[in-house]
Amino acid sequence: MGYVLRVRTASFFAGAAVASAMGIYALQQDYKNAHRTHSQQAIGVYQSLEGRISALEKSQEVQPAKSVQAAP
């Protein structure tokens, strides 16, 4: 009876170790995917902001030139 208990205990701990390793791997992949998604979103927001700032700067450059020409 003692031998069977030792075999079952060893099997249980081996299974728990494998399940833990698989769980850690799944969490690691989930973390990588979430990090990649957030990075892509941040890059998109940054590019959008850069485009809006560039458009605003161009419109600010054009407006004073028009108002100077209209003044004389």
N, C-alpha and C. Protein backbone atom coordinates (compact mmCIF):
# COMPACT_ATOMS: atom_id res chain seq x y z
N MET A 1 0.82 -1.19 0.00
CA MET A 1 0.00 0.00 0.00
C MET A 1 0.86 1.26 0.00
N GLY A 2 1.99 1.24 0.70
CA GLY A 2 2.86 2.41 0.76
C GLY A 2 3.46 2.75 -0.58
N TYR A 3 3.77 1.73 -1.39
CA TYR A 3 4.35 1.96 -2.71
C TYR A 3 3.35 2.66 -3.63
N VAL A 4 2.10 2.22 -3.60
CA VAL A 4 1.06 2.81 -4.44
C VAL A 4 0.83 4.27 -4.06
N LEU A 5 0.84 4.54 -2.76
CA LEU A 5 0.66 5.92 -2.30
C LEU A 5 1.79 6.81 -2.78
N ARG A 6 3.02 6.30 -2.73
CA ARG A 6 4.17 7.08 -3.21
C ARG A 6 4.08 7.33 -4.71
N VAL A 7 3.65 6.34 -5.47
CA VAL A 7 3.52 6.50 -6.93
C VAL A 7 2.44 7.53 -7.24
N ARG A 8 1.31 7.44 -6.55
CA ARG A 8 0.23 8.39 -6.78
C ARG A 8 0.64 9.80 -6.37
N THR A 9 1.35 9.93 -5.26
CA THR A 9 1.81 11.25 -4.82
C THR A 9 2.80 11.83 -5.82
N ALA A 10 3.73 11.02 -6.29
CA ALA A 10 4.69 11.47 -7.29
C ALA A 10 3.98 11.88 -8.57
N SER A 11 2.99 11.10 -8.99
CA SER A 11 2.23 11.43 -10.20
C SER A 11 1.46 12.73 -10.02
N PHE A 12 0.89 12.92 -8.83
CA PHE A 12 0.16 14.15 -8.57
C PHE A 12 1.08 15.36 -8.67
N PHE A 13 2.23 15.29 -8.04
CA PHE A 13 3.15 16.43 -8.07
C PHE A 13 3.73 16.66 -9.46
N ALA A 14 3.96 15.60 -10.20
CA ALA A 14 4.44 15.76 -11.58
C ALA A 14 3.37 16.44 -12.43
N GLY A 15 2.14 16.04 -12.26
CA GLY A 15 1.03 16.67 -12.99
C GLY A 15 0.86 18.13 -12.59
N ALA A 16 1.00 18.41 -11.30
CA ALA A 16 0.88 19.79 -10.84
C ALA A 16 2.00 20.65 -11.41
N ALA A 17 3.20 20.09 -11.50
CA ALA A 17 4.33 20.85 -12.06
C ALA A 17 4.11 21.13 -13.54
N VAL A 18 3.61 20.15 -14.28
CA VAL A 18 3.35 20.35 -15.71
C VAL A 18 2.24 21.38 -15.90
N ALA A 19 1.17 21.28 -15.11
CA ALA A 19 0.07 22.24 -15.21
C ALA A 19 0.54 23.64 -14.85
N SER A 20 1.40 23.77 -13.87
CA SER A 20 1.93 25.08 -13.50
C SER A 20 2.77 25.67 -14.61
N ALA A 21 3.59 24.84 -15.22
CA ALA A 21 4.43 25.30 -16.32
C ALA A 21 3.58 25.75 -17.50
N MET A 22 2.54 25.01 -17.80
CA MET A 22 1.65 25.39 -18.90
C MET A 22 0.90 26.68 -18.57
N GLY A 23 0.49 26.83 -17.32
CA GLY A 23 -0.19 28.06 -16.91
C GLY A 23 0.72 29.28 -17.00
N ILE A 24 1.95 29.12 -16.57
CA ILE A 24 2.91 30.22 -16.64
C ILE A 24 3.17 30.60 -18.09
N TYR A 25 3.30 29.60 -18.96
CA TYR A 25 3.52 29.88 -20.38
C TYR A 25 2.33 30.62 -20.98
N ALA A 26 1.12 30.20 -20.64
CA ALA A 26 -0.08 30.87 -21.15
C ALA A 26 -0.16 32.31 -20.66
N LEU A 27 0.17 32.55 -19.39
CA LEU A 27 0.16 33.91 -18.87
C LEU A 27 1.23 34.77 -19.53
N GLN A 28 2.39 34.18 -19.80
CA GLN A 28 3.46 34.92 -20.46
C GLN A 28 3.02 35.33 -21.87
N GLN A 29 2.40 34.43 -22.60
CA GLN A 29 1.93 34.76 -23.94
C GLN A 29 0.84 35.83 -23.90
N ASP A 30 -0.04 35.74 -22.93
CA ASP A 30 -1.09 36.75 -22.77
C ASP A 30 -0.49 38.11 -22.47
N TYR A 31 0.52 38.14 -21.62
CA TYR A 31 1.20 39.40 -21.28
C TYR A 31 1.88 39.99 -22.51
N LYS A 32 2.55 39.15 -23.30
CA LYS A 32 3.22 39.64 -24.51
C LYS A 32 2.21 40.23 -25.49
N ASN A 33 1.08 39.53 -25.68
CA ASN A 33 0.06 40.03 -26.60
C ASN A 33 -0.53 41.35 -26.12
N ALA A 34 -0.78 41.46 -24.83
CA ALA A 34 -1.33 42.70 -24.29
C ALA A 34 -0.32 43.84 -24.43
N HIS A 35 0.93 43.57 -24.18
CA HIS A 35 1.96 44.59 -24.31
C HIS A 35 2.08 45.05 -25.76
N ARG A 36 2.06 44.11 -26.69
CA ARG A 36 2.14 44.44 -28.11
C ARG A 36 0.95 45.30 -28.54
N THR A 37 -0.24 44.93 -28.08
CA THR A 37 -1.44 45.69 -28.44
C THR A 37 -1.38 47.11 -27.89
N HIS A 38 -0.97 47.26 -26.63
CA HIS A 38 -0.88 48.59 -26.05
C HIS A 38 0.20 49.43 -26.74
N SER A 39 1.29 48.81 -27.12
CA SER A 39 2.34 49.53 -27.82
C SER A 39 1.85 50.03 -29.17
N GLN A 40 1.12 49.18 -29.89
CA GLN A 40 0.59 49.59 -31.19
C GLN A 40 -0.42 50.72 -31.04
N GLN A 41 -1.25 50.66 -30.01
CA GLN A 41 -2.22 51.73 -29.78
C GLN A 41 -1.51 53.03 -29.44
N ALA A 42 -0.47 52.96 -28.64
CA ALA A 42 0.27 54.17 -28.28
C ALA A 42 0.95 54.77 -29.51
N ILE A 43 1.50 53.92 -30.37
CA ILE A 43 2.14 54.41 -31.59
C ILE A 43 1.10 55.08 -32.48
N GLY A 44 -0.08 54.48 -32.59
CA GLY A 44 -1.15 55.08 -33.39
C GLY A 44 -1.58 56.43 -32.86
N VAL A 45 -1.72 56.55 -31.56
CA VAL A 45 -2.11 57.82 -30.95
C VAL A 45 -1.02 58.86 -31.18
N TYR A 46 0.23 58.45 -31.03
CA TYR A 46 1.36 59.37 -31.22
C TYR A 46 1.41 59.86 -32.66
N GLN A 47 1.23 58.96 -33.62
CA GLN A 47 1.25 59.36 -35.03
C GLN A 47 0.08 60.29 -35.35
N SER A 48 -1.07 60.00 -34.81
CA SER A 48 -2.23 60.86 -35.02
C SER A 48 -1.98 62.25 -34.44
N LEU A 49 -1.41 62.29 -33.26
CA LEU A 49 -1.11 63.56 -32.62
C LEU A 49 -0.08 64.34 -33.42
N GLU A 50 0.94 63.66 -33.92
CA GLU A 50 1.96 64.32 -34.73
C GLU A 50 1.34 64.91 -35.99
N GLY A 51 0.44 64.18 -36.62
CA GLY A 51 -0.24 64.68 -37.82
C GLY A 51 -1.08 65.91 -37.52
N ARG A 52 -1.78 65.88 -36.41
CA ARG A 52 -2.62 67.03 -36.04
C ARG A 52 -1.76 68.24 -35.71
N ILE A 53 -0.64 68.03 -35.03
CA ILE A 53 0.25 69.14 -34.70
C ILE A 53 0.85 69.72 -35.97
N SER A 54 1.26 68.87 -36.90
CA SER A 54 1.83 69.35 -38.16
C SER A 54 0.80 70.17 -38.94
N ALA A 55 -0.44 69.69 -38.99
CA ALA A 55 -1.49 70.42 -39.70
C ALA A 55 -1.75 71.77 -39.03
N LEU A 56 -1.74 71.79 -37.72
CA LEU A 56 -1.95 73.04 -37.00
C LEU A 56 -0.80 74.01 -37.24
N GLU A 57 0.42 73.52 -37.24
CA GLU A 57 1.57 74.39 -37.51
C GLU A 57 1.52 74.95 -38.92
N LYS A 58 1.13 74.12 -39.89
CA LYS A 58 1.02 74.59 -41.27
C LYS A 58 -0.06 75.65 -41.39
N SER A 59 -1.18 75.46 -40.72
CA SER A 59 -2.26 76.46 -40.80
C SER A 59 -1.85 77.75 -40.11
N GLN A 60 -1.04 77.66 -39.07
CA GLN A 60 -0.57 78.87 -38.39
C GLN A 60 0.43 79.63 -39.26
N GLU A 61 1.22 78.91 -40.05
CA GLU A 61 2.16 79.57 -40.95
C GLU A 61 1.44 80.25 -42.09
N VAL A 62 0.38 79.67 -42.58
CA VAL A 62 -0.35 80.21 -43.72
C VAL A 62 -1.17 81.43 -43.32
N GLN A 63 -1.80 81.41 -42.18
CA GLN A 63 -2.68 82.51 -41.76
C GLN A 63 -1.94 83.83 -41.60
N PRO A 64 -0.82 83.93 -40.91
CA PRO A 64 -0.15 85.23 -40.80
C PRO A 64 0.32 85.77 -42.15
N ALA A 65 0.71 84.91 -43.05
CA ALA A 65 1.13 85.36 -44.38
C ALA A 65 -0.06 85.97 -45.13
N LYS A 66 -1.22 85.42 -45.02
CA LYS A 66 -2.40 85.96 -45.68
C LYS A 66 -2.80 87.30 -45.05
N SER A 67 -2.72 87.39 -43.72
CA SER A 67 -3.14 88.61 -43.07
C SER A 67 -2.14 89.75 -43.36
N VAL A 68 -0.88 89.45 -43.55
CA VAL A 68 0.10 90.48 -43.90
C VAL A 68 -0.15 90.97 -45.31
N GLN A 69 -0.51 90.09 -46.22
CA GLN A 69 -0.78 90.49 -47.59
C GLN A 69 -2.08 91.31 -47.66
N ALA A 70 -3.02 91.00 -46.82
CA ALA A 70 -4.30 91.71 -46.86
C ALA A 70 -4.18 93.08 -46.22
N ALA A 71 -3.19 93.32 -45.37
CA ALA A 71 -3.08 94.59 -44.66
C ALA A 71 -2.73 95.76 -45.56
N PRO A 72 -1.80 95.67 -46.52
CA PRO A 72 -1.47 96.86 -47.32
C PRO A 72 -2.49 97.22 -48.32
